[in-house]
């Protein structure tokens, strides 16, 4: 399977594609690719029985696609956790390293790493880590972009994208950060939020706000 196809499987999983229907637009924003590219790749994945695509409704992972996503996500996020917790990497810097390591990780090594790390349920940016049987805790699918002005929320997880993690790291926004949504600027402008820990106001881009999940 190509790395690009793996990226599609992972992003559909991250966007909640086992529980709800994901739109082409959401995938395009998450992967920062053109809408036409999404249409083409989704068609190939339908042929390979990795996803189900209902026109005008959305995309969900099949059982096969879900199992592949679990395997990819589990190994990737175990390495991210190890790099941050034990090698003291910055959260924003681990994605590319974990991307390489996950493809060289046997099931036996993944199991040993999982035990060594204390069987974590979440990675450093809040993503779920499936256990040996593919089970994982429920995760919020509510995105920051949809939070109404005046509401206070906590960031639950952030899509595993290198550029996004660096962008949010520079803003001082990460998993478990509590914020108040102050204003949605019109015409796909930024969402203005206040970080509760220090009262700082932050502008988060429209695109980023669709890849930040809150509770």
N, C-alpha and C. Protein backbone atom coordinates (compact mmCIF):
# COMPACT_ATOMS: atom_id res chain seq x y z
N UNK A 1 0.84 -1.19 0.00
CA UNK A 1 0.00 0.00 0.00
C UNK A 1 0.88 1.25 0.00
N UNK A 2 0.52 2.23 -0.80
CA UNK A 2 1.32 3.44 -0.91
C UNK A 2 1.19 4.30 0.34
N UNK A 3 2.23 5.08 0.67
CA UNK A 3 2.13 6.00 1.82
C UNK A 3 0.96 6.96 1.72
N UNK A 4 0.63 7.41 0.50
CA UNK A 4 -0.49 8.33 0.34
C UNK A 4 -1.81 7.67 0.71
N UNK A 5 -1.98 6.42 0.28
CA UNK A 5 -3.22 5.71 0.61
C UNK A 5 -3.32 5.49 2.12
N UNK A 6 -2.19 5.20 2.74
CA UNK A 6 -2.17 5.06 4.20
C UNK A 6 -2.57 6.37 4.88
N UNK A 7 -2.12 7.48 4.32
CA UNK A 7 -2.49 8.78 4.87
C UNK A 7 -4.00 9.00 4.80
N UNK A 8 -4.60 8.57 3.71
CA UNK A 8 -6.06 8.70 3.56
C UNK A 8 -6.79 7.85 4.60
N UNK A 9 -6.34 6.62 4.78
CA UNK A 9 -6.96 5.74 5.77
C UNK A 9 -6.87 6.35 7.17
N UNK A 10 -5.69 6.86 7.48
CA UNK A 10 -5.49 7.44 8.83
C UNK A 10 -6.32 8.69 9.03
N UNK A 11 -6.40 9.56 8.02
CA UNK A 11 -7.15 10.80 8.20
C UNK A 11 -8.64 10.52 8.31
N UNK A 12 -9.14 9.55 7.56
CA UNK A 12 -10.57 9.19 7.68
C UNK A 12 -10.84 8.64 9.08
N UNK A 13 -9.93 7.83 9.59
CA UNK A 13 -10.05 7.31 10.96
C UNK A 13 -10.04 8.46 11.96
N UNK A 14 -9.07 9.37 11.82
CA UNK A 14 -8.94 10.48 12.75
C UNK A 14 -10.15 11.41 12.74
N UNK A 15 -10.75 11.56 11.58
CA UNK A 15 -11.91 12.43 11.46
C UNK A 15 -13.20 11.78 11.97
N UNK A 16 -13.08 10.52 12.39
CA UNK A 16 -14.25 9.84 12.94
C UNK A 16 -14.97 8.97 11.96
N UNK A 17 -14.27 8.51 10.94
CA UNK A 17 -14.89 7.77 9.84
C UNK A 17 -15.32 6.35 10.15
N UNK A 18 -15.26 5.95 11.42
CA UNK A 18 -15.86 4.67 11.81
C UNK A 18 -17.24 4.90 12.42
N UNK A 19 -17.54 6.16 12.76
CA UNK A 19 -18.79 6.46 13.46
C UNK A 19 -19.70 7.40 12.67
N UNK A 20 -19.13 8.16 11.75
CA UNK A 20 -19.93 9.11 10.98
C UNK A 20 -19.38 9.19 9.57
N UNK A 21 -20.14 9.82 8.70
CA UNK A 21 -19.71 9.96 7.30
C UNK A 21 -18.86 11.21 7.15
N UNK A 22 -17.70 11.04 6.52
CA UNK A 22 -16.72 12.11 6.34
C UNK A 22 -16.85 12.67 4.93
N UNK A 23 -16.83 13.98 4.81
CA UNK A 23 -16.96 14.59 3.49
C UNK A 23 -15.60 14.68 2.79
N UNK A 24 -15.64 14.79 1.47
CA UNK A 24 -14.41 15.01 0.69
C UNK A 24 -13.70 16.28 1.16
N UNK A 25 -14.48 17.31 1.49
CA UNK A 25 -13.89 18.58 1.91
C UNK A 25 -13.09 18.41 3.19
N UNK A 26 -13.61 17.63 4.13
CA UNK A 26 -12.89 17.41 5.39
C UNK A 26 -11.56 16.71 5.14
N UNK A 27 -11.57 15.73 4.24
CA UNK A 27 -10.33 15.03 3.91
C UNK A 27 -9.35 15.97 3.23
N UNK A 28 -9.85 16.78 2.30
CA UNK A 28 -8.99 17.73 1.59
C UNK A 28 -8.34 18.71 2.55
N UNK A 29 -9.11 19.21 3.52
CA UNK A 29 -8.55 20.14 4.51
C UNK A 29 -7.54 19.42 5.39
N UNK A 30 -7.87 18.21 5.83
CA UNK A 30 -6.99 17.47 6.72
C UNK A 30 -5.65 17.11 6.11
N UNK A 31 -5.66 16.78 4.82
CA UNK A 31 -4.42 16.39 4.13
C UNK A 31 -3.81 17.52 3.32
N UNK A 32 -4.52 18.65 3.25
CA UNK A 32 -4.08 19.80 2.47
C UNK A 32 -3.82 19.41 1.01
N UNK A 33 -4.85 18.77 0.42
CA UNK A 33 -4.77 18.37 -0.98
C UNK A 33 -5.99 18.91 -1.72
N UNK A 34 -5.94 18.88 -3.04
CA UNK A 34 -7.04 19.37 -3.86
C UNK A 34 -8.23 18.42 -3.79
N UNK A 35 -9.42 18.99 -3.93
CA UNK A 35 -10.65 18.19 -3.87
C UNK A 35 -10.66 17.11 -4.94
N UNK A 36 -10.13 17.42 -6.13
CA UNK A 36 -10.08 16.44 -7.21
C UNK A 36 -9.24 15.23 -6.85
N UNK A 37 -8.16 15.47 -6.13
CA UNK A 37 -7.29 14.36 -5.70
C UNK A 37 -8.02 13.44 -4.73
N UNK A 38 -8.83 14.03 -3.86
CA UNK A 38 -9.61 13.23 -2.91
C UNK A 38 -10.60 12.35 -3.65
N UNK A 39 -11.31 12.92 -4.61
CA UNK A 39 -12.30 12.16 -5.39
C UNK A 39 -11.65 10.96 -6.06
N UNK A 40 -10.49 11.18 -6.65
CA UNK A 40 -9.78 10.11 -7.36
C UNK A 40 -9.33 9.01 -6.41
N UNK A 41 -8.74 9.39 -5.27
CA UNK A 41 -8.25 8.40 -4.32
C UNK A 41 -9.39 7.64 -3.66
N UNK A 42 -10.46 8.32 -3.32
CA UNK A 42 -11.60 7.65 -2.70
C UNK A 42 -12.19 6.60 -3.64
N UNK A 43 -12.24 6.91 -4.93
CA UNK A 43 -12.75 5.94 -5.91
C UNK A 43 -11.89 4.68 -5.91
N UNK A 44 -10.58 4.84 -5.82
CA UNK A 44 -9.68 3.67 -5.78
C UNK A 44 -9.89 2.87 -4.50
N UNK A 45 -10.10 3.58 -3.39
CA UNK A 45 -10.28 2.91 -2.10
C UNK A 45 -11.61 2.17 -2.04
N UNK A 46 -12.61 2.68 -2.73
CA UNK A 46 -13.89 1.97 -2.83
C UNK A 46 -13.70 0.66 -3.58
N UNK A 47 -12.94 0.69 -4.68
CA UNK A 47 -12.67 -0.52 -5.46
C UNK A 47 -11.94 -1.56 -4.63
N UNK A 48 -11.08 -1.10 -3.73
CA UNK A 48 -10.30 -2.02 -2.88
C UNK A 48 -11.03 -2.37 -1.60
N UNK A 49 -12.27 -1.92 -1.48
CA UNK A 49 -13.13 -2.22 -0.33
C UNK A 49 -12.53 -1.72 0.99
N UNK A 50 -11.86 -0.58 0.92
CA UNK A 50 -11.32 0.05 2.12
C UNK A 50 -12.30 1.07 2.70
N UNK A 51 -13.13 1.65 1.84
CA UNK A 51 -14.13 2.63 2.29
C UNK A 51 -15.44 2.39 1.57
N UNK A 52 -16.50 2.93 2.17
CA UNK A 52 -17.82 3.00 1.53
C UNK A 52 -18.10 4.46 1.26
N UNK A 53 -18.47 4.78 0.04
CA UNK A 53 -18.77 6.17 -0.33
C UNK A 53 -20.22 6.27 -0.78
N UNK A 54 -20.99 7.02 -0.02
CA UNK A 54 -22.38 7.28 -0.39
C UNK A 54 -22.45 8.69 -0.97
N UNK A 55 -22.74 8.84 -2.27
CA UNK A 55 -22.79 10.17 -2.88
C UNK A 55 -23.70 11.12 -2.11
N UNK A 56 -23.20 12.32 -1.91
CA UNK A 56 -23.90 13.40 -1.20
C UNK A 56 -24.10 13.10 0.29
N UNK A 57 -23.56 11.98 0.77
CA UNK A 57 -23.67 11.65 2.19
C UNK A 57 -22.30 11.63 2.85
N UNK A 58 -21.35 10.87 2.29
CA UNK A 58 -20.01 10.87 2.84
C UNK A 58 -19.32 9.53 2.76
N UNK A 59 -18.21 9.44 3.45
CA UNK A 59 -17.28 8.31 3.36
C UNK A 59 -17.09 7.70 4.75
N UNK A 60 -17.13 6.37 4.82
CA UNK A 60 -16.82 5.66 6.06
C UNK A 60 -15.85 4.52 5.74
N UNK A 61 -15.10 4.12 6.74
CA UNK A 61 -14.20 2.99 6.58
C UNK A 61 -14.97 1.68 6.62
N UNK A 62 -14.59 0.74 5.78
CA UNK A 62 -15.11 -0.62 5.89
C UNK A 62 -14.41 -1.31 7.06
N UNK A 63 -14.82 -2.54 7.35
CA UNK A 63 -14.15 -3.30 8.42
C UNK A 63 -12.67 -3.49 8.07
N UNK A 64 -12.38 -3.77 6.80
CA UNK A 64 -10.98 -3.92 6.38
C UNK A 64 -10.23 -2.60 6.56
N UNK A 65 -10.82 -1.50 6.10
CA UNK A 65 -10.17 -0.20 6.25
C UNK A 65 -9.96 0.17 7.71
N UNK A 66 -10.94 -0.17 8.55
CA UNK A 66 -10.83 0.13 9.98
C UNK A 66 -9.68 -0.65 10.61
N UNK A 67 -9.55 -1.93 10.27
CA UNK A 67 -8.48 -2.74 10.84
C UNK A 67 -7.10 -2.22 10.40
N UNK A 68 -6.99 -1.82 9.14
CA UNK A 68 -5.73 -1.26 8.66
C UNK A 68 -5.41 0.05 9.38
N UNK A 69 -6.43 0.88 9.59
CA UNK A 69 -6.23 2.15 10.29
C UNK A 69 -5.74 1.91 11.71
N UNK A 70 -6.35 0.94 12.40
CA UNK A 70 -5.95 0.63 13.78
C UNK A 70 -4.48 0.24 13.84
N UNK A 71 -4.07 -0.63 12.92
CA UNK A 71 -2.67 -1.08 12.91
C UNK A 71 -1.71 0.08 12.65
N UNK A 72 -2.03 0.92 11.66
CA UNK A 72 -1.17 2.05 11.32
C UNK A 72 -1.11 3.06 12.45
N UNK A 73 -2.26 3.41 12.98
CA UNK A 73 -2.35 4.44 14.02
C UNK A 73 -1.67 3.96 15.30
N UNK A 74 -1.89 2.70 15.67
CA UNK A 74 -1.33 2.16 16.91
C UNK A 74 0.20 2.25 16.92
N UNK A 75 0.83 1.75 15.88
CA UNK A 75 2.30 1.76 15.84
C UNK A 75 2.84 3.18 15.76
N UNK A 76 2.20 4.02 14.94
CA UNK A 76 2.65 5.40 14.79
C UNK A 76 2.59 6.14 16.13
N UNK A 77 1.48 6.02 16.83
CA UNK A 77 1.30 6.79 18.07
C UNK A 77 2.08 6.23 19.25
N UNK A 78 2.36 4.94 19.22
CA UNK A 78 3.25 4.39 20.25
C UNK A 78 4.64 5.01 20.13
N UNK A 79 5.13 5.13 18.90
CA UNK A 79 6.44 5.74 18.71
C UNK A 79 6.42 7.22 19.06
N UNK A 80 5.34 7.91 18.72
CA UNK A 80 5.24 9.32 19.10
C UNK A 80 5.30 9.48 20.62
N UNK A 81 4.61 8.61 21.33
CA UNK A 81 4.62 8.66 22.79
C UNK A 81 6.00 8.38 23.34
N UNK A 82 6.69 7.38 22.79
CA UNK A 82 8.04 7.07 23.23
C UNK A 82 9.00 8.24 22.98
N UNK A 83 8.91 8.82 21.80
CA UNK A 83 9.81 9.92 21.45
C UNK A 83 9.60 11.13 22.36
N UNK A 84 8.36 11.42 22.72
CA UNK A 84 8.08 12.57 23.58
C UNK A 84 8.39 12.26 25.04
N UNK A 85 7.90 11.13 25.53
CA UNK A 85 8.02 10.82 26.97
C UNK A 85 9.43 10.39 27.35
N UNK A 86 10.09 9.63 26.49
CA UNK A 86 11.37 9.04 26.89
C UNK A 86 12.58 9.69 26.23
N UNK A 87 12.41 10.21 25.01
CA UNK A 87 13.53 10.87 24.35
C UNK A 87 13.39 12.39 24.36
N UNK A 88 12.28 12.88 24.94
CA UNK A 88 12.07 14.31 25.17
C UNK A 88 12.01 15.14 23.88
N UNK A 89 11.48 14.54 22.84
CA UNK A 89 11.20 15.30 21.62
C UNK A 89 10.06 16.28 21.88
N UNK A 90 10.02 17.36 21.12
CA UNK A 90 8.86 18.23 21.11
C UNK A 90 7.73 17.53 20.34
N UNK A 91 6.50 17.72 20.79
CA UNK A 91 5.36 17.06 20.14
C UNK A 91 5.32 17.37 18.64
N UNK A 92 5.63 18.61 18.28
CA UNK A 92 5.55 19.02 16.88
C UNK A 92 6.61 18.34 16.00
N UNK A 93 7.62 17.73 16.62
CA UNK A 93 8.74 17.19 15.84
C UNK A 93 8.70 15.68 15.65
N UNK A 94 7.70 14.99 16.20
CA UNK A 94 7.77 13.53 16.22
C UNK A 94 7.09 12.85 15.02
N UNK A 95 6.23 13.57 14.31
CA UNK A 95 5.43 12.91 13.28
C UNK A 95 6.28 12.23 12.21
N UNK A 96 7.26 12.94 11.66
CA UNK A 96 8.06 12.38 10.57
C UNK A 96 8.90 11.19 11.05
N UNK A 97 9.40 11.26 12.28
CA UNK A 97 10.18 10.15 12.84
C UNK A 97 9.28 8.92 13.01
N UNK A 98 8.09 9.13 13.57
CA UNK A 98 7.17 8.02 13.80
C UNK A 98 6.69 7.42 12.48
N UNK A 99 6.58 8.26 11.45
CA UNK A 99 6.15 7.80 10.13
C UNK A 99 7.12 6.76 9.59
N UNK A 100 8.41 6.95 9.84
CA UNK A 100 9.43 6.00 9.39
C UNK A 100 9.41 4.74 10.27
N UNK A 101 9.36 4.94 11.58
CA UNK A 101 9.46 3.83 12.52
C UNK A 101 8.28 2.87 12.43
N UNK A 102 7.08 3.40 12.17
CA UNK A 102 5.89 2.54 12.17
C UNK A 102 5.98 1.44 11.12
N UNK A 103 6.67 1.72 9.99
CA UNK A 103 6.75 0.74 8.91
C UNK A 103 7.80 -0.34 9.19
N UNK A 104 8.62 -0.12 10.20
CA UNK A 104 9.65 -1.10 10.55
C UNK A 104 9.31 -1.84 11.84
N UNK A 105 8.07 -1.68 12.30
CA UNK A 105 7.69 -2.21 13.61
C UNK A 105 6.82 -3.46 13.47
N UNK A 106 7.33 -4.58 13.98
CA UNK A 106 6.56 -5.82 13.97
C UNK A 106 5.49 -5.77 15.06
N UNK A 107 4.54 -6.67 14.99
CA UNK A 107 3.51 -6.74 16.03
C UNK A 107 4.13 -7.04 17.39
N UNK A 108 5.17 -7.88 17.40
CA UNK A 108 5.84 -8.22 18.66
C UNK A 108 6.50 -6.99 19.28
N UNK A 109 7.18 -6.19 18.44
CA UNK A 109 7.82 -4.98 18.94
C UNK A 109 6.78 -3.98 19.43
N UNK A 110 5.68 -3.84 18.68
CA UNK A 110 4.61 -2.92 19.09
C UNK A 110 4.05 -3.32 20.45
N UNK A 111 3.88 -4.62 20.67
CA UNK A 111 3.35 -5.11 21.95
C UNK A 111 4.33 -4.81 23.09
N UNK A 112 5.62 -5.00 22.83
CA UNK A 112 6.63 -4.72 23.86
C UNK A 112 6.69 -3.22 24.17
N UNK A 113 6.60 -2.40 23.13
CA UNK A 113 6.64 -0.95 23.31
C UNK A 113 5.41 -0.47 24.09
N UNK A 114 4.26 -1.05 23.78
CA UNK A 114 3.01 -0.72 24.46
C UNK A 114 3.12 -1.00 25.95
N UNK A 115 3.67 -2.16 26.30
CA UNK A 115 3.85 -2.52 27.70
C UNK A 115 4.87 -1.62 28.38
N UNK A 116 5.98 -1.37 27.71
CA UNK A 116 7.03 -0.51 28.26
C UNK A 116 6.50 0.88 28.59
N UNK A 117 5.62 1.40 27.75
CA UNK A 117 5.09 2.75 27.94
C UNK A 117 3.96 2.81 28.95
N UNK A 118 3.58 1.64 29.51
CA UNK A 118 2.51 1.63 30.51
C UNK A 118 1.12 1.56 29.91
N UNK A 119 1.01 1.01 28.69
CA UNK A 119 -0.26 0.85 27.99
C UNK A 119 -1.04 2.16 27.89
N UNK A 120 -0.45 3.16 27.26
CA UNK A 120 -1.12 4.47 27.15
C UNK A 120 -2.37 4.40 26.28
N UNK A 121 -3.36 5.24 26.59
CA UNK A 121 -4.59 5.30 25.80
C UNK A 121 -4.56 6.43 24.77
N UNK A 122 -3.69 7.42 25.01
CA UNK A 122 -3.65 8.59 24.13
C UNK A 122 -2.21 8.97 23.85
N UNK A 123 -1.95 9.49 22.64
CA UNK A 123 -0.62 9.97 22.27
C UNK A 123 -0.47 11.43 22.73
N UNK A 124 0.71 12.02 22.55
CA UNK A 124 0.94 13.38 23.07
C UNK A 124 0.04 14.47 22.49
N UNK A 125 -0.53 14.27 21.29
CA UNK A 125 -1.43 15.29 20.76
C UNK A 125 -2.90 14.87 20.91
N UNK A 126 -3.15 13.87 21.77
CA UNK A 126 -4.51 13.52 22.14
C UNK A 126 -5.17 12.42 21.35
N UNK A 127 -4.49 11.87 20.34
CA UNK A 127 -5.07 10.79 19.53
C UNK A 127 -5.12 9.48 20.29
N UNK A 128 -6.14 8.67 20.03
CA UNK A 128 -6.28 7.40 20.73
C UNK A 128 -5.22 6.41 20.28
N UNK A 129 -4.82 5.53 21.21
CA UNK A 129 -3.89 4.44 20.91
C UNK A 129 -4.64 3.13 21.13
N UNK A 130 -4.98 2.39 20.08
CA UNK A 130 -5.67 1.11 20.24
C UNK A 130 -4.82 0.11 21.02
N UNK A 131 -5.47 -0.77 21.79
CA UNK A 131 -4.74 -1.81 22.51
C UNK A 131 -4.48 -3.00 21.60
N UNK A 132 -3.99 -4.10 22.19
CA UNK A 132 -3.61 -5.27 21.40
C UNK A 132 -4.78 -5.86 20.62
N UNK A 133 -5.98 -5.67 21.14
CA UNK A 133 -7.17 -6.23 20.51
C UNK A 133 -7.90 -5.23 19.60
N UNK A 134 -7.29 -4.05 19.43
CA UNK A 134 -7.91 -3.05 18.56
C UNK A 134 -8.94 -2.19 19.25
N UNK A 135 -9.07 -2.31 20.57
CA UNK A 135 -10.02 -1.49 21.31
C UNK A 135 -9.38 -0.16 21.69
N UNK A 136 -10.18 0.89 21.75
CA UNK A 136 -9.67 2.19 22.13
C UNK A 136 -10.81 3.03 22.73
N UNK A 137 -10.47 4.00 23.59
CA UNK A 137 -11.51 4.81 24.23
C UNK A 137 -12.21 5.71 23.22
N UNK A 138 -13.43 6.11 23.56
CA UNK A 138 -14.16 7.03 22.71
C UNK A 138 -13.42 8.36 22.62
N UNK A 139 -13.55 9.01 21.48
CA UNK A 139 -12.85 10.27 21.26
C UNK A 139 -13.81 11.29 20.66
N UNK A 140 -13.66 12.54 21.05
CA UNK A 140 -14.56 13.58 20.56
C UNK A 140 -14.39 13.81 19.07
N UNK A 141 -15.52 14.00 18.38
CA UNK A 141 -15.49 14.34 16.96
C UNK A 141 -16.00 15.75 16.71
N UNK A 142 -16.12 16.55 17.79
CA UNK A 142 -16.58 17.94 17.66
C UNK A 142 -15.37 18.82 17.34
N UNK A 143 -15.44 19.59 16.26
CA UNK A 143 -14.30 20.41 15.86
C UNK A 143 -14.45 21.84 16.37
N UNK A 144 -13.32 22.47 16.59
CA UNK A 144 -13.29 23.84 17.10
C UNK A 144 -14.07 24.79 16.20
N UNK A 145 -14.02 24.58 14.90
CA UNK A 145 -14.70 25.48 13.96
C UNK A 145 -16.20 25.56 14.21
N UNK A 146 -16.78 24.52 14.82
CA UNK A 146 -18.23 24.47 15.03
C UNK A 146 -18.66 24.96 16.42
N UNK A 147 -17.71 25.31 17.26
CA UNK A 147 -18.05 25.78 18.61
C UNK A 147 -18.61 27.20 18.52
N UNK A 148 -19.71 27.45 19.20
CA UNK A 148 -20.35 28.77 19.14
C UNK A 148 -19.57 29.78 19.97
N UNK A 149 -19.68 31.05 19.57
CA UNK A 149 -19.01 32.12 20.31
C UNK A 149 -19.49 32.15 21.75
N UNK A 150 -18.54 32.35 22.66
CA UNK A 150 -18.87 32.43 24.07
C UNK A 150 -18.75 31.12 24.82
N UNK A 151 -18.54 30.02 24.10
CA UNK A 151 -18.45 28.71 24.76
C UNK A 151 -17.01 28.41 25.16
N UNK A 152 -16.85 27.76 26.31
CA UNK A 152 -15.55 27.33 26.80
C UNK A 152 -15.38 25.84 26.56
N UNK A 153 -14.25 25.45 26.00
CA UNK A 153 -14.00 24.04 25.67
C UNK A 153 -12.56 23.68 26.03
N UNK A 154 -12.29 22.40 26.02
CA UNK A 154 -10.92 21.89 26.20
C UNK A 154 -10.51 21.17 24.93
N UNK A 155 -9.31 21.41 24.46
CA UNK A 155 -8.82 20.72 23.27
C UNK A 155 -8.56 19.26 23.61
N UNK A 156 -9.26 18.37 22.91
CA UNK A 156 -9.14 16.94 23.18
C UNK A 156 -8.04 16.30 22.37
N UNK A 157 -7.95 16.66 21.09
CA UNK A 157 -6.94 16.07 20.23
C UNK A 157 -6.74 16.94 19.00
N UNK A 158 -5.61 16.72 18.35
CA UNK A 158 -5.23 17.48 17.17
C UNK A 158 -4.85 16.49 16.07
N UNK A 159 -5.32 16.74 14.86
CA UNK A 159 -4.96 15.86 13.74
C UNK A 159 -3.44 15.76 13.63
N UNK A 160 -2.99 14.54 13.36
CA UNK A 160 -1.55 14.25 13.34
C UNK A 160 -0.93 14.73 12.03
N UNK A 161 -0.72 16.04 11.97
CA UNK A 161 -0.13 16.67 10.78
C UNK A 161 1.04 17.53 11.23
N UNK A 162 2.19 17.32 10.62
CA UNK A 162 3.41 17.98 11.07
C UNK A 162 3.29 19.50 11.07
N UNK A 163 2.85 20.06 9.94
CA UNK A 163 2.75 21.52 9.83
C UNK A 163 1.73 22.08 10.81
N UNK A 164 0.62 21.36 10.98
CA UNK A 164 -0.41 21.81 11.93
C UNK A 164 0.12 21.81 13.36
N UNK A 165 0.84 20.77 13.73
CA UNK A 165 1.36 20.68 15.10
C UNK A 165 2.39 21.77 15.37
N UNK A 166 3.22 22.07 14.39
CA UNK A 166 4.18 23.16 14.56
C UNK A 166 3.47 24.50 14.69
N UNK A 167 2.48 24.72 13.84
CA UNK A 167 1.68 25.96 13.85
C UNK A 167 1.04 26.16 15.22
N UNK A 168 0.42 25.11 15.76
CA UNK A 168 -0.27 25.23 17.05
C UNK A 168 0.73 25.31 18.21
N UNK A 169 1.85 24.63 18.07
CA UNK A 169 2.90 24.73 19.09
C UNK A 169 3.37 26.16 19.22
N UNK A 170 3.56 26.83 18.10
CA UNK A 170 4.00 28.23 18.11
C UNK A 170 2.94 29.15 18.72
N UNK A 171 1.67 28.75 18.62
CA UNK A 171 0.59 29.54 19.22
C UNK A 171 0.39 29.22 20.70
N UNK A 172 1.06 28.17 21.18
CA UNK A 172 0.87 27.76 22.57
C UNK A 172 -0.42 27.00 22.79
N UNK A 173 -0.85 26.26 21.78
CA UNK A 173 -2.10 25.50 21.85
C UNK A 173 -1.77 24.03 21.67
N UNK A 174 -2.26 23.18 22.57
CA UNK A 174 -1.99 21.75 22.51
C UNK A 174 -3.13 20.99 23.17
N UNK A 175 -3.03 19.68 23.17
CA UNK A 175 -4.06 18.87 23.83
C UNK A 175 -4.17 19.28 25.30
N UNK A 176 -5.39 19.36 25.79
CA UNK A 176 -5.75 19.72 27.17
C UNK A 176 -5.74 21.22 27.44
N UNK A 177 -5.39 22.03 26.45
CA UNK A 177 -5.49 23.48 26.60
C UNK A 177 -6.97 23.87 26.67
N UNK A 178 -7.33 24.68 27.66
CA UNK A 178 -8.71 25.16 27.79
C UNK A 178 -8.81 26.56 27.20
N UNK A 179 -9.83 26.75 26.37
CA UNK A 179 -9.99 28.02 25.67
C UNK A 179 -11.45 28.46 25.69
N UNK A 180 -11.63 29.75 25.53
CA UNK A 180 -12.96 30.30 25.30
C UNK A 180 -13.01 30.84 23.88
N UNK A 181 -14.03 30.44 23.13
CA UNK A 181 -14.19 30.92 21.76
C UNK A 181 -14.83 32.30 21.82
N UNK A 182 -14.13 33.30 21.30
CA UNK A 182 -14.61 34.67 21.36
C UNK A 182 -15.37 35.08 20.10
N UNK A 183 -14.82 34.74 18.92
CA UNK A 183 -15.44 35.23 17.70
C UNK A 183 -14.98 34.44 16.49
N UNK A 184 -15.93 34.15 15.59
CA UNK A 184 -15.62 33.58 14.28
C UNK A 184 -15.60 34.74 13.28
N UNK A 185 -14.46 35.01 12.72
CA UNK A 185 -14.40 36.05 11.70
C UNK A 185 -15.10 35.56 10.44
N UNK A 186 -15.78 36.43 9.69
CA UNK A 186 -16.54 36.00 8.51
C UNK A 186 -15.66 35.60 7.34
N UNK A 187 -16.29 34.98 6.34
CA UNK A 187 -15.63 34.60 5.09
C UNK A 187 -14.41 33.71 5.32
N UNK A 188 -14.61 32.68 6.16
CA UNK A 188 -13.56 31.70 6.46
C UNK A 188 -12.33 32.37 7.09
N UNK A 189 -12.57 33.40 7.85
CA UNK A 189 -11.49 34.04 8.60
C UNK A 189 -11.14 33.23 9.84
N UNK A 190 -10.18 33.69 10.62
CA UNK A 190 -9.74 32.94 11.80
C UNK A 190 -10.79 32.91 12.92
N UNK A 191 -10.63 31.95 13.80
CA UNK A 191 -11.43 31.89 15.02
C UNK A 191 -10.58 32.51 16.13
N UNK A 192 -11.14 33.51 16.80
CA UNK A 192 -10.41 34.18 17.88
C UNK A 192 -10.79 33.51 19.19
N UNK A 193 -9.78 33.04 19.92
CA UNK A 193 -10.03 32.35 21.18
C UNK A 193 -9.19 32.97 22.28
N UNK A 194 -9.60 32.73 23.52
CA UNK A 194 -8.82 33.16 24.68
C UNK A 194 -8.33 31.92 25.43
N UNK A 195 -7.03 31.86 25.64
CA UNK A 195 -6.45 30.76 26.41
C UNK A 195 -6.69 31.03 27.89
N UNK A 196 -7.37 30.14 28.58
CA UNK A 196 -7.80 30.42 29.94
C UNK A 196 -6.66 30.46 30.94
N UNK A 197 -5.59 29.74 30.68
CA UNK A 197 -4.50 29.68 31.65
C UNK A 197 -3.83 31.03 31.86
N UNK A 198 -3.81 31.88 30.82
CA UNK A 198 -3.14 33.18 30.96
C UNK A 198 -3.93 34.34 30.37
N UNK A 199 -5.09 34.05 29.78
CA UNK A 199 -5.93 35.12 29.22
C UNK A 199 -5.50 35.64 27.88
N UNK A 200 -4.46 35.05 27.28
CA UNK A 200 -3.99 35.51 25.97
C UNK A 200 -5.03 35.21 24.88
N UNK A 201 -5.19 36.16 23.96
CA UNK A 201 -6.07 35.96 22.81
C UNK A 201 -5.24 35.45 21.63
N UNK A 202 -5.79 34.48 20.93
CA UNK A 202 -5.08 33.80 19.86
C UNK A 202 -5.99 33.71 18.64
N UNK A 203 -5.43 33.93 17.47
CA UNK A 203 -6.16 33.73 16.21
C UNK A 203 -5.78 32.37 15.63
N UNK A 204 -6.76 31.49 15.49
CA UNK A 204 -6.53 30.16 14.92
C UNK A 204 -7.18 30.11 13.55
N UNK A 205 -6.43 29.73 12.55
CA UNK A 205 -6.92 29.77 11.17
C UNK A 205 -8.15 28.88 10.97
N UNK A 206 -8.94 29.23 9.98
CA UNK A 206 -10.14 28.47 9.62
C UNK A 206 -9.80 27.01 9.36
N UNK A 207 -8.74 26.77 8.58
CA UNK A 207 -8.36 25.40 8.24
C UNK A 207 -7.93 24.63 9.48
N UNK A 208 -7.10 25.25 10.31
CA UNK A 208 -6.64 24.56 11.52
C UNK A 208 -7.80 24.22 12.45
N UNK A 209 -8.77 25.13 12.54
CA UNK A 209 -9.90 24.94 13.45
C UNK A 209 -10.75 23.73 13.06
N UNK A 210 -10.65 23.27 11.81
CA UNK A 210 -11.37 22.06 11.38
C UNK A 210 -10.59 20.80 11.71
N UNK A 211 -9.37 20.94 12.17
CA UNK A 211 -8.52 19.79 12.52
C UNK A 211 -8.16 19.75 14.00
N UNK A 212 -8.91 20.54 14.79
CA UNK A 212 -8.75 20.55 16.24
C UNK A 212 -10.06 20.07 16.85
N UNK A 213 -10.00 19.01 17.62
CA UNK A 213 -11.21 18.43 18.22
C UNK A 213 -11.30 18.84 19.70
N UNK A 214 -12.51 19.16 20.12
CA UNK A 214 -12.70 19.71 21.47
C UNK A 214 -13.76 18.93 22.23
N UNK A 215 -13.76 19.15 23.54
CA UNK A 215 -14.82 18.57 24.37
C UNK A 215 -15.21 19.56 25.46
